[in-house]
Amino acid sequence: MRIETHGQQIEVTPALREYVDSKLQRLARHFDYPFDVRIQLGLDKPNHCAEATVNLAGKTLHADASAIDMYSAIDLLADKLDRLLLKHKQKMVDHHRGENPVRSGEFG
């Protein structure tokens, strides 16, 4: 997983970049193949905003979050991305496999 972190009207400090990387590492467990995540951090007074775009094979997912401080906005964004990726992964699974009597040999 490759994470790009950008700031809009704010400077992304090494501490913020490290915090984003540590929070988003849990997203890599959902898929075996590599994917890209682009994070944009900004200030929308009085709230701090964090937006993310995830580029998967054939699909682009987007999430945003805002909170009182940047760290809590990043936490909310990580939770939203986790739910989005789980939902996308469940859609990709073929739910009809294994339940068909023809495939199991019981049809007769």
PDB file of N, CA and C in Angstrom:
ATOM      1  N   MET A   1       0.850  -1.173   0.000  1.00  0.00           N
ATOM      2  CA  MET A   1       0.000   0.000   0.000  1.00  0.00           C
ATOM      3  C   MET A   1       0.892   1.231   0.000  1.00  0.00           C
ATOM      4  N   ARG A   2       0.581   2.146  -0.883  1.00  0.00           N
ATOM      5  CA  ARG A   2       1.342   3.386  -0.971  1.00  0.00           C
ATOM      6  C   ARG A   2       0.459   4.539  -0.515  1.00  0.00           C
ATOM      7  N   ILE A   3       0.968   5.334   0.408  1.00  0.00           N
ATOM      8  CA  ILE A   3       0.197   6.443   0.973  1.00  0.00           C
ATOM      9  C   ILE A   3       0.880   7.753   0.599  1.00  0.00           C
ATOM     10  N   GLU A   4       0.135   8.649  -0.036  1.00  0.00           N
ATOM     11  CA  GLU A   4       0.606   9.998  -0.338  1.00  0.00           C
ATOM     12  C   GLU A   4      -0.166  10.967   0.544  1.00  0.00           C
ATOM     13  N   THR A   5       0.552  11.806   1.261  1.00  0.00           N
ATOM     14  CA  THR A   5      -0.092  12.764   2.158  1.00  0.00           C
ATOM     15  C   THR A   5       0.251  14.176   1.698  1.00  0.00           C
ATOM     16  N   HIS A   6      -0.790  14.984   1.470  1.00  0.00           N
ATOM     17  CA  HIS A   6      -0.627  16.355   1.012  1.00  0.00           C
ATOM     18  C   HIS A   6      -1.386  17.285   1.946  1.00  0.00           C
ATOM     19  N   GLY A   7      -0.946  18.522   1.988  1.00  0.00           N
ATOM     20  CA  GLY A   7      -1.622  19.520   2.801  1.00  0.00           C
ATOM     21  C   GLY A   7      -2.182  20.632   1.938  1.00  0.00           C
ATOM     22  N   GLN A   8      -3.368  21.086   2.291  1.00  0.00           N
ATOM     23  CA  GLN A   8      -3.970  22.222   1.611  1.00  0.00           C
ATOM     24  C   GLN A   8      -4.007  23.376   2.595  1.00  0.00           C
ATOM     25  N   GLN A   9      -3.208  24.360   2.346  1.00  0.00           N
ATOM     26  CA  GLN A   9      -3.067  25.552   3.189  1.00  0.00           C
ATOM     27  C   GLN A   9      -2.485  25.237   4.562  1.00  0.00           C
ATOM     28  N   ILE A  10      -1.946  24.043   4.755  1.00  0.00           N
ATOM     29  CA  ILE A  10      -1.212  23.724   5.983  1.00  0.00           C
ATOM     30  C   ILE A  10       0.026  22.926   5.591  1.00  0.00           C
ATOM     31  N   GLU A  11       1.012  22.959   6.458  1.00  0.00           N
ATOM     32  CA  GLU A  11       2.219  22.176   6.231  1.00  0.00           C
ATOM     33  C   GLU A  11       2.053  20.833   6.919  1.00  0.00           C
ATOM     34  N   VAL A  12       2.339  19.768   6.182  1.00  0.00           N
ATOM     35  CA  VAL A  12       2.244  18.424   6.738  1.00  0.00           C
ATOM     36  C   VAL A  12       3.572  18.122   7.432  1.00  0.00           C
ATOM     37  N   THR A  13       3.534  18.100   8.747  1.00  0.00           N
ATOM     38  CA  THR A  13       4.742  17.845   9.530  1.00  0.00           C
ATOM     39  C   THR A  13       5.069  16.355   9.505  1.00  0.00           C
ATOM     40  N   PRO A  14       6.312  16.005   9.808  1.00  0.00           N
ATOM     41  CA  PRO A  14       6.657  14.572   9.877  1.00  0.00           C
ATOM     42  C   PRO A  14       5.828  13.813  10.911  1.00  0.00           C
ATOM     43  N   ALA A  15       5.428  14.463  11.982  1.00  0.00           N
ATOM     44  CA  ALA A  15       4.592  13.801  12.998  1.00  0.00           C
ATOM     45  C   ALA A  15       3.212  13.473  12.423  1.00  0.00           C
ATOM     46  N   LEU A  16       2.628  14.408  11.681  1.00  0.00           N
ATOM     47  CA  LEU A  16       1.328  14.152  11.045  1.00  0.00           C
ATOM     48  C   LEU A  16       1.439  13.048  10.005  1.00  0.00           C
ATOM     49  N   ARG A  17       2.501  13.080   9.209  1.00  0.00           N
ATOM     50  CA  ARG A  17       2.690  12.058   8.173  1.00  0.00           C
ATOM     51  C   ARG A  17       2.852  10.675   8.797  1.00  0.00           C
ATOM     52  N   GLU A  18       3.608  10.600   9.883  1.00  0.00           N
ATOM     53  CA  GLU A  18       3.800   9.322  10.581  1.00  0.00           C
ATOM     54  C   GLU A  18       2.497   8.827  11.209  1.00  0.00           C
ATOM     55  N   TYR A  19       1.687   9.748  11.741  1.00  0.00           N
ATOM     56  CA  TYR A  19       0.413   9.373  12.341  1.00  0.00           C
ATOM     57  C   TYR A  19      -0.549   8.824  11.281  1.00  0.00           C
ATOM     58  N   VAL A  20      -0.582   9.468  10.119  1.00  0.00           N
ATOM     59  CA  VAL A  20      -1.430   8.995   9.022  1.00  0.00           C
ATOM     60  C   VAL A  20      -0.985   7.598   8.592  1.00  0.00           C
ATOM     61  N   ASP A  21       0.327   7.403   8.440  1.00  0.00           N
ATOM     62  CA  ASP A  21       0.836   6.094   8.024  1.00  0.00           C
ATOM     63  C   ASP A  21       0.493   5.015   9.035  1.00  0.00           C
ATOM     64  N   SER A  22       0.630   5.317  10.315  1.00  0.00           N
ATOM     65  CA  SER A  22       0.344   4.309  11.339  1.00  0.00           C
ATOM     66  C   SER A  22      -1.144   3.982  11.410  1.00  0.00           C
ATOM     67  N   LYS A  23      -2.013   4.977  11.217  1.00  0.00           N
ATOM     68  CA  LYS A  23      -3.450   4.735  11.278  1.00  0.00           C
ATOM     69  C   LYS A  23      -3.965   3.970  10.067  1.00  0.00           C
ATOM     70  N   LEU A  24      -3.362   4.200   8.907  1.00  0.00           N
ATOM     71  CA  LEU A  24      -3.863   3.582   7.688  1.00  0.00           C
ATOM     72  C   LEU A  24      -3.206   2.240   7.373  1.00  0.00           C
ATOM     73  N   GLN A  25      -2.271   1.790   8.187  1.00  0.00           N
ATOM     74  CA  GLN A  25      -1.649   0.489   7.947  1.00  0.00           C
ATOM     75  C   GLN A  25      -2.651  -0.651   8.081  1.00  0.00           C
ATOM     76  N   ARG A  26      -3.692  -0.459   8.871  1.00  0.00           N
ATOM     77  CA  ARG A  26      -4.686  -1.520   9.046  1.00  0.00           C
ATOM     78  C   ARG A  26      -5.515  -1.753   7.785  1.00  0.00           C
ATOM     79  N   LEU A  27      -5.499  -0.809   6.841  1.00  0.00           N
ATOM     80  CA  LEU A  27      -6.253  -0.975   5.598  1.00  0.00           C
ATOM     81  C   LEU A  27      -5.603  -2.014   4.690  1.00  0.00           C
ATOM     82  N   ALA A  28      -4.324  -2.239   4.847  1.00  0.00           N
ATOM     83  CA  ALA A  28      -3.605  -3.166   3.972  1.00  0.00           C
ATOM     84  C   ALA A  28      -4.024  -4.613   4.207  1.00  0.00           C
ATOM     85  N   ARG A  29      -4.645  -4.914   5.331  1.00  0.00           N
ATOM     86  CA  ARG A  29      -5.014  -6.300   5.626  1.00  0.00           C
ATOM     87  C   ARG A  29      -6.211  -6.776   4.795  1.00  0.00           C
ATOM     88  N   HIS A  30      -6.949  -5.848   4.191  1.00  0.00           N
ATOM     89  CA  HIS A  30      -8.150  -6.224   3.449  1.00  0.00           C
ATOM     90  C   HIS A  30      -7.847  -6.828   2.083  1.00  0.00           C
ATOM     91  N   PHE A  31      -6.768  -6.385   1.446  1.00  0.00           N
ATOM     92  CA  PHE A  31      -6.459  -6.841   0.097  1.00  0.00           C
ATOM     93  C   PHE A  31      -5.008  -7.301   0.029  1.00  0.00           C
ATOM     94  N   ASP A  32      -4.773  -8.323  -0.800  1.00  0.00           N
ATOM     95  CA  ASP A  32      -3.423  -8.848  -0.959  1.00  0.00           C
ATOM     96  C   ASP A  32      -2.619  -8.037  -1.964  1.00  0.00           C
ATOM     97  N   TYR A  33      -3.287  -7.452  -2.942  1.00  0.00           N
ATOM     98  CA  TYR A  33      -2.578  -6.705  -3.970  1.00  0.00           C
ATOM     99  C   TYR A  33      -2.389  -5.254  -3.522  1.00  0.00           C
ATOM    100  N   PRO A  34      -1.364  -4.584  -4.028  1.00  0.00           N
ATOM    101  CA  PRO A  34      -1.090  -3.207  -3.608  1.00  0.00           C
ATOM    102  C   PRO A  34      -2.111  -2.217  -4.169  1.00  0.00           C
ATOM    103  N   PHE A  35      -2.363  -1.175  -3.424  1.00  0.00           N
ATOM    104  CA  PHE A  35      -3.253  -0.110  -3.875  1.00  0.00           C
ATOM    105  C   PHE A  35      -2.741   1.212  -3.337  1.00  0.00           C
ATOM    106  N   ASP A  36      -3.230   2.303  -3.905  1.00  0.00           N
ATOM    107  CA  ASP A  36      -2.763   3.642  -3.564  1.00  0.00           C
ATOM    108  C   ASP A  36      -3.816   4.383  -2.743  1.00  0.00           C
ATOM    109  N   VAL A  37      -3.330   5.150  -1.769  1.00  0.00           N
ATOM    110  CA  VAL A  37      -4.196   5.997  -0.960  1.00  0.00           C
ATOM    111  C   VAL A  37      -3.617   7.402  -1.005  1.00  0.00           C
ATOM    112  N   ARG A  38      -4.456   8.365  -1.369  1.00  0.00           N
ATOM    113  CA  ARG A  38      -4.026   9.764  -1.408  1.00  0.00           C
ATOM    114  C   ARG A  38      -4.804  10.530  -0.345  1.00  0.00           C
ATOM    115  N   ILE A  39      -4.087  11.109   0.601  1.00  0.00           N
ATOM    116  CA  ILE A  39      -4.683  11.828   1.724  1.00  0.00           C
ATOM    117  C   ILE A  39      -4.430  13.323   1.536  1.00  0.00           C
ATOM    118  N   GLN A  40      -5.478  14.107   1.720  1.00  0.00           N
ATOM    119  CA  GLN A  40      -5.330  15.556   1.684  1.00  0.00           C
ATOM    120  C   GLN A  40      -5.820  16.116   3.011  1.00  0.00           C
ATOM    121  N   LEU A  41      -4.947  16.808   3.698  1.00  0.00           N
ATOM    122  CA  LEU A  41      -5.263  17.411   4.986  1.00  0.00           C
ATOM    123  C   LEU A  41      -5.448  18.908   4.775  1.00  0.00           C
ATOM    124  N   GLY A  42      -6.480  19.461   5.381  1.00  0.00           N
ATOM    125  CA  GLY A  42      -6.745  20.885   5.201  1.00  0.00           C
ATOM    126  C   GLY A  42      -7.425  21.491   6.412  1.00  0.00           C
ATOM    127  N   LEU A  43      -7.574  22.790   6.345  1.00  0.00           N
ATOM    128  CA  LEU A  43      -8.193  23.537   7.434  1.00  0.00           C
ATOM    129  C   LEU A  43      -9.420  24.245   6.882  1.00  0.00           C
ATOM    130  N   ASP A  44     -10.591  23.909   7.423  1.00  0.00           N
ATOM    131  CA  ASP A  44     -11.843  24.546   7.059  1.00  0.00           C
ATOM    132  C   ASP A  44     -12.398  25.124   8.354  1.00  0.00           C
ATOM    133  N   LYS A  45     -12.015  26.349   8.649  1.00  0.00           N
ATOM    134  CA  LYS A  45     -12.243  26.916   9.975  1.00  0.00           C
ATOM    135  C   LYS A  45     -13.690  26.793  10.403  1.00  0.00           C
ATOM    136  N   PRO A  46     -13.941  26.399  11.615  1.00  0.00           N
ATOM    137  CA  PRO A  46     -13.023  26.088  12.714  1.00  0.00           C
ATOM    138  C   PRO A  46     -12.574  24.623  12.748  1.00  0.00           C
ATOM    139  N   ASN A  47     -12.998  23.816  11.775  1.00  0.00           N
ATOM    140  CA  ASN A  47     -12.674  22.390  11.795  1.00  0.00           C
ATOM    141  C   ASN A  47     -11.459  22.076  10.932  1.00  0.00           C
ATOM    142  N   HIS A  48     -10.849  20.940  11.241  1.00  0.00           N
ATOM    143  CA  HIS A  48      -9.782  20.382  10.419  1.00  0.00           C
ATOM    144  C   HIS A  48     -10.392  19.274   9.569  1.00  0.00           C
ATOM    145  N   CYS A  49      -9.998  19.207   8.309  1.00  0.00           N
ATOM    146  CA  CYS A  49     -10.583  18.240   7.376  1.00  0.00           C
ATOM    147  C   CYS A  49      -9.510  17.283   6.866  1.00  0.00           C
ATOM    148  N   ALA A  50      -9.913  16.051   6.669  1.00  0.00           N
ATOM    149  CA  ALA A  50      -9.055  15.040   6.067  1.00  0.00           C
ATOM    150  C   ALA A  50      -9.872  14.323   4.998  1.00  0.00           C
ATOM    151  N   GLU A  51      -9.331  14.251   3.784  1.00  0.00           N
ATOM    152  CA  GLU A  51     -10.002  13.580   2.677  1.00  0.00           C
ATOM    153  C   GLU A  51      -9.079  12.512   2.133  1.00  0.00           C
ATOM    154  N   ALA A  52      -9.660  11.403   1.662  1.00  0.00           N
ATOM    155  CA  ALA A  52      -8.855  10.319   1.125  1.00  0.00           C
ATOM    156  C   ALA A  52      -9.491   9.782  -0.147  1.00  0.00           C
ATOM    157  N   THR A  53      -8.644   9.415  -1.087  1.00  0.00           N
ATOM    158  CA  THR A  53      -9.055   8.748  -2.305  1.00  0.00           C
ATOM    159  C   THR A  53      -8.256   7.461  -2.402  1.00  0.00           C
ATOM    160  N   VAL A  54      -8.951   6.336  -2.493  1.00  0.00           N
ATOM    161  CA  VAL A  54      -8.318   5.026  -2.580  1.00  0.00           C
ATOM    162  C   VAL A  54      -8.510   4.513  -3.999  1.00  0.00           C
ATOM    163  N   ASN A  55      -7.402   4.194  -4.660  1.00  0.00           N
ATOM    164  CA  ASN A  55      -7.449   3.659  -6.016  1.00  0.00           C
ATOM    165  C   ASN A  55      -7.201   2.163  -5.961  1.00  0.00           C
ATOM    166  N   LEU A  56      -8.269   1.396  -6.168  1.00  0.00           N
ATOM    167  CA  LEU A  56      -8.174  -0.053  -6.252  1.00  0.00           C
ATOM    168  C   LEU A  56      -8.221  -0.443  -7.724  1.00  0.00           C
ATOM    169  N   ALA A  57      -8.049  -1.708  -8.000  1.00  0.00           N
ATOM    170  CA  ALA A  57      -8.112  -2.179  -9.373  1.00  0.00           C
ATOM    171  C   ALA A  57      -9.545  -2.031  -9.893  1.00  0.00           C
ATOM    172  N   GLY A  58      -9.760  -1.056 -10.756  1.00  0.00           N
ATOM    173  CA  GLY A  58     -11.070  -0.857 -11.351  1.00  0.00           C
ATOM    174  C   GLY A  58     -12.052  -0.077 -10.509  1.00  0.00           C
ATOM    175  N   LYS A  59     -11.660   0.448  -9.382  1.00  0.00           N
ATOM    176  CA  LYS A  59     -12.599   1.147  -8.502  1.00  0.00           C
ATOM    177  C   LYS A  59     -11.871   2.269  -7.772  1.00  0.00           C
ATOM    178  N   THR A  60     -12.538   3.388  -7.585  1.00  0.00           N
ATOM    179  CA  THR A  60     -12.007   4.496  -6.811  1.00  0.00           C
ATOM    180  C   THR A  60     -12.990   4.800  -5.689  1.00  0.00           C
ATOM    181  N   LEU A  61     -12.492   4.801  -4.450  1.00  0.00           N
ATOM    182  CA  LEU A  61     -13.315   5.083  -3.280  1.00  0.00           C
ATOM    183  C   LEU A  61     -12.880   6.411  -2.678  1.00  0.00           C
ATOM    184  N   HIS A  62     -13.840   7.160  -2.146  1.00  0.00           N
ATOM    185  CA  HIS A  62     -13.544   8.467  -1.563  1.00  0.00           C
ATOM    186  C   HIS A  62     -14.228   8.584  -0.205  1.00  0.00           C
ATOM    187  N   ALA A  63     -13.511   9.184   0.737  1.00  0.00           N
ATOM    188  CA  ALA A  63     -14.078   9.443   2.057  1.00  0.00           C
ATOM    189  C   ALA A  63     -13.505  10.752   2.580  1.00  0.00           C
ATOM    190  N   ASP A  64     -14.279  11.418   3.418  1.00  0.00           N
ATOM    191  CA  ASP A  64     -13.776  12.624   4.074  1.00  0.00           C
ATOM    192  C   ASP A  64     -14.315  12.694   5.488  1.00  0.00           C
ATOM    193  N   ALA A  65     -13.585  13.424   6.320  1.00  0.00           N
ATOM    194  CA  ALA A  65     -13.966  13.571   7.724  1.00  0.00           C
ATOM    195  C   ALA A  65     -13.486  14.924   8.214  1.00  0.00           C
ATOM    196  N   SER A  66     -14.220  15.488   9.162  1.00  0.00           N
ATOM    197  CA  SER A  66     -13.791  16.742   9.772  1.00  0.00           C
ATOM    198  C   SER A  66     -14.035  16.658  11.272  1.00  0.00           C
ATOM    199  N   ALA A  67     -13.151  17.309  12.017  1.00  0.00           N
ATOM    200  CA  ALA A  67     -13.234  17.291  13.474  1.00  0.00           C
ATOM    201  C   ALA A  67     -12.560  18.544  14.026  1.00  0.00           C
ATOM    202  N   ILE A  68     -12.567  18.633  15.339  1.00  0.00           N
ATOM    203  CA  ILE A  68     -12.007  19.811  16.014  1.00  0.00           C
ATOM    204  C   ILE A  68     -10.499  19.918  15.812  1.00  0.00           C
ATOM    205  N   ASP A  69      -9.783  18.789  15.890  1.00  0.00           N
ATOM    206  CA  ASP A  69      -8.350  18.817  15.631  1.00  0.00           C
ATOM    207  C   ASP A  69      -7.990  17.797  14.553  1.00  0.00           C
ATOM    208  N   MET A  70      -6.793  17.901  14.003  1.00  0.00           N
ATOM    209  CA  MET A  70      -6.393  17.096  12.858  1.00  0.00           C
ATOM    210  C   MET A  70      -6.284  15.613  13.204  1.00  0.00           C
ATOM    211  N   TYR A  71      -5.804  15.304  14.396  1.00  0.00           N
ATOM    212  CA  TYR A  71      -5.618  13.902  14.770  1.00  0.00           C
ATOM    213  C   TYR A  71      -6.955  13.164  14.878  1.00  0.00           C
ATOM    214  N   SER A  72      -7.969  13.811  15.411  1.00  0.00           N
ATOM    215  CA  SER A  72      -9.272  13.145  15.482  1.00  0.00           C
ATOM    216  C   SER A  72      -9.922  13.054  14.099  1.00  0.00           C
ATOM    217  N   ALA A  73      -9.644  14.012  13.221  1.00  0.00           N
ATOM    218  CA  ALA A  73     -10.140  13.920  11.844  1.00  0.00           C
ATOM    219  C   ALA A  73      -9.503  12.738  11.120  1.00  0.00           C
ATOM    220  N   ILE A  74      -8.222  12.505  11.366  1.00  0.00           N
ATOM    221  CA  ILE A  74      -7.529  11.364  10.762  1.00  0.00           C
ATOM    222  C   ILE A  74      -8.091  10.057  11.313  1.00  0.00           C
ATOM    223  N   ASP A  75      -8.390  10.021  12.613  1.00  0.00           N
ATOM    224  CA  ASP A  75      -9.003   8.827  13.209  1.00  0.00           C
ATOM    225  C   ASP A  75     -10.351   8.517  12.568  1.00  0.00           C
ATOM    226  N   LEU A  76     -11.197   9.525  12.413  1.00  0.00           N
ATOM    227  CA  LEU A  76     -12.507   9.330  11.789  1.00  0.00           C
ATOM    228  C   LEU A  76     -12.361   8.875  10.336  1.00  0.00           C
ATOM    229  N   LEU A  77     -11.400   9.455   9.636  1.00  0.00           N
ATOM    230  CA  LEU A  77     -11.172   9.077   8.247  1.00  0.00           C
ATOM    231  C   LEU A  77     -10.715   7.624   8.136  1.00  0.00           C
ATOM    232  N   ALA A  78      -9.842   7.197   9.031  1.00  0.00           N
ATOM    233  CA  ALA A  78      -9.370   5.806   9.005  1.00  0.00           C
ATOM    234  C   ALA A  78     -10.523   4.839   9.256  1.00  0.00           C
ATOM    235  N   ASP A  79     -11.422   5.178  10.167  1.00  0.00           N
ATOM    236  CA  ASP A  79     -12.579   4.331  10.425  1.00  0.00           C
ATOM    237  C   ASP A  79     -13.502   4.252   9.200  1.00  0.00           C
ATOM    238  N   LYS A  80     -13.736   5.391   8.551  1.00  0.00           N
ATOM    239  CA  LYS A  80     -14.593   5.405   7.366  1.00  0.00           C
ATOM    240  C   LYS A  80     -13.983   4.591   6.227  1.00  0.00           C
ATOM    241  N   LEU A  81     -12.672   4.738   6.036  1.00  0.00           N
ATOM    242  CA  LEU A  81     -12.017   3.979   4.970  1.00  0.00           C
ATOM    243  C   LEU A  81     -12.055   2.489   5.250  1.00  0.00           C
ATOM    244  N   ASP A  82     -11.912   2.117   6.516  1.00  0.00           N
ATOM    245  CA  ASP A  82     -11.973   0.704   6.886  1.00  0.00           C
ATOM    246  C   ASP A  82     -13.343   0.125   6.534  1.00  0.00           C
ATOM    247  N   ARG A  83     -14.408   0.852   6.855  1.00  0.00           N
ATOM    248  CA  ARG A  83     -15.761   0.387   6.529  1.00  0.00           C
ATOM    249  C   ARG A  83     -15.993   0.340   5.016  1.00  0.00           C
ATOM    250  N   LEU A  84     -15.484   1.341   4.289  1.00  0.00           N
ATOM    251  CA  LEU A  84     -15.641   1.358   2.836  1.00  0.00           C
ATOM    252  C   LEU A  84     -14.948   0.169   2.176  1.00  0.00           C
ATOM    253  N   LEU A  85     -13.737  -0.139   2.625  1.00  0.00           N
ATOM    254  CA  LEU A  85     -13.000  -1.249   2.036  1.00  0.00           C
ATOM    255  C   LEU A  85     -13.651  -2.584   2.369  1.00  0.00           C
ATOM    256  N   LEU A  86     -14.186  -2.719   3.579  1.00  0.00           N
ATOM    257  CA  LEU A  86     -14.901  -3.947   3.927  1.00  0.00           C
ATOM    258  C   LEU A  86     -16.144  -4.122   3.059  1.00  0.00           C
ATOM    259  N   LYS A  87     -16.864  -3.050   2.853  1.00  0.00           N
ATOM    260  CA  LYS A  87     -18.067  -3.104   2.029  1.00  0.00           C
ATOM    261  C   LYS A  87     -17.716  -3.463   0.584  1.00  0.00           C
ATOM    262  N   HIS A  88     -16.652  -2.872   0.072  1.00  0.00           N
ATOM    263  CA  HIS A  88     -16.214  -3.172  -1.287  1.00  0.00           C
ATOM    264  C   HIS A  88     -15.750  -4.621  -1.410  1.00  0.00           C
ATOM    265  N   LYS A  89     -15.061  -5.109  -0.409  1.00  0.00           N
ATOM    266  CA  LYS A  89     -14.572  -6.490  -0.429  1.00  0.00           C
ATOM    267  C   LYS A  89     -15.736  -7.474  -0.396  1.00  0.00           C
ATOM    268  N   GLN A  90     -16.774  -7.182   0.376  1.00  0.00           N
ATOM    269  CA  GLN A  90     -17.936  -8.062   0.435  1.00  0.00           C
ATOM    270  C   GLN A  90     -18.701  -8.066  -0.884  1.00  0.00           C
ATOM    271  N   LYS A  91     -18.702  -6.961  -1.595  1.00  0.00           N
ATOM    272  CA  LYS A  91     -19.364  -6.914  -2.894  1.00  0.00           C
ATOM    273  C   LYS A  91     -18.621  -7.756  -3.920  1.00  0.00           C
ATOM    274  N   MET A  92     -17.307  -7.851  -3.778  1.00  0.00           N
ATOM    275  CA  MET A  92     -16.505  -8.617  -4.728  1.00  0.00           C
ATOM    276  C   MET A  92     -16.665 -10.125  -4.541  1.00  0.00           C
ATOM    277  N   VAL A  93     -17.053 -10.576  -3.365  1.00  0.00           N
ATOM    278  CA  VAL A  93     -17.175 -12.001  -3.078  1.00  0.00           C
ATOM    279  C   VAL A  93     -18.398 -12.561  -3.788  1.00  0.00           C
ATOM    280  N   ASP A  94     -18.242 -13.717  -4.408  1.00  0.00           N
ATOM    281  CA  ASP A  94     -19.359 -14.382  -5.063  1.00  0.00           C
ATOM    282  C   ASP A  94     -20.136 -15.142  -3.996  1.00  0.00           C
ATOM    283  N   HIS A  95     -21.295 -14.674  -3.640  1.00  0.00           N
ATOM    284  CA  HIS A  95     -22.067 -15.254  -2.549  1.00  0.00           C
ATOM    285  C   HIS A  95     -22.786 -16.541  -2.947  1.00  0.00           C
ATOM    286  N   HIS A  96     -22.763 -16.890  -4.208  1.00  0.00           N
ATOM    287  CA  HIS A  96     -23.480 -18.072  -4.664  1.00  0.00           C
ATOM    288  C   HIS A  96     -22.608 -19.327  -4.682  1.00  0.00           C
ATOM    289  N   ARG A  97     -21.357 -19.195  -4.443  1.00  0.00           N
ATOM    290  CA  ARG A  97     -20.453 -20.345  -4.510  1.00  0.00           C
ATOM    291  C   ARG A  97     -20.611 -21.216  -3.272  1.00  0.00           C
ATOM    292  N   GLY A  98     -20.589 -22.521  -3.475  1.00  0.00           N
ATOM    293  CA  GLY A  98     -20.616 -23.462  -2.363  1.00  0.00           C
ATOM    294  C   GLY A  98     -21.998 -23.835  -1.886  1.00  0.00           C
ATOM    295  N   GLU A  99     -23.014 -23.064  -2.203  1.00  0.00           N
ATOM    296  CA  GLU A  99     -24.370 -23.338  -1.737  1.00  0.00           C
ATOM    297  C   GLU A  99     -25.207 -24.046  -2.798  1.00  0.00           C
ATOM    298  N   ASN A 100     -24.651 -24.251  -3.959  1.00  0.00           N
ATOM    299  CA  ASN A 100     -25.387 -24.846  -5.065  1.00  0.00           C
ATOM    300  C   ASN A 100     -25.291 -26.369  -4.986  1.00  0.00           C
ATOM    301  N   PRO A 101     -26.413 -27.101  -4.980  1.00  0.00           N
ATOM    302  CA  PRO A 101     -26.351 -28.563  -4.884  1.00  0.00           C
ATOM    303  C   PRO A 101     -25.698 -29.212  -6.095  1.00  0.00           C
ATOM    304  N   VAL A 102     -25.708 -28.551  -7.257  1.00  0.00           N
ATOM    305  CA  VAL A 102     -25.064 -29.110  -8.440  1.00  0.00           C
ATOM    306  C   VAL A 102     -23.547 -29.148  -8.240  1.00  0.00           C
ATOM    307  N   ARG A 103     -22.998 -28.129  -7.626  1.00  0.00           N
ATOM    308  CA  ARG A 103     -21.559 -28.081  -7.400  1.00  0.00           C
ATOM    309  C   ARG A 103     -21.112 -29.068  -6.331  1.00  0.00           C
ATOM    310  N   SER A 104     -21.939 -29.337  -5.365  1.00  0.00           N
ATOM    311  CA  SER A 104     -21.541 -30.248  -4.284  1.00  0.00           C
ATOM    312  C   SER A 104     -21.788 -31.710  -4.628  1.00  0.00           C
ATOM    313  N   GLY A 105     -22.485 -31.989  -5.727  1.00  0.00           N
ATOM    314  CA  GLY A 105     -22.706 -33.365  -6.142  1.00  0.00           C
ATOM    315  C   GLY A 105     -23.934 -33.994  -5.520  1.00  0.00           C
ATOM    316  N   GLU A 106     -24.748 -33.265  -4.792  1.00  0.00           N
ATOM    317  CA  GLU A 106     -25.941 -33.798  -4.140  1.00  0.00           C
ATOM    318  C   GLU A 106     -27.155 -33.763  -5.054  1.00  0.00           C
ATOM    319  N   PHE A 107     -27.035 -33.143  -6.192  1.00  0.00           N
ATOM    320  CA  PHE A 107     -28.142 -33.023  -7.119  1.00  0.00           C
ATOM    321  C   PHE A 107     -28.299 -34.339  -7.884  1.00  0.00           C
ATOM    322  N   GLY A 108     -29.487 -34.867  -7.913  1.00  0.00           N
ATOM    323  CA  GLY A 108     -29.555 -36.114  -8.645  1.00  0.00           C
ATOM    324  C   GLY A 108     -30.860 -36.657  -8.866  1.00  0.00           C
TER     325      GLY A 108
END
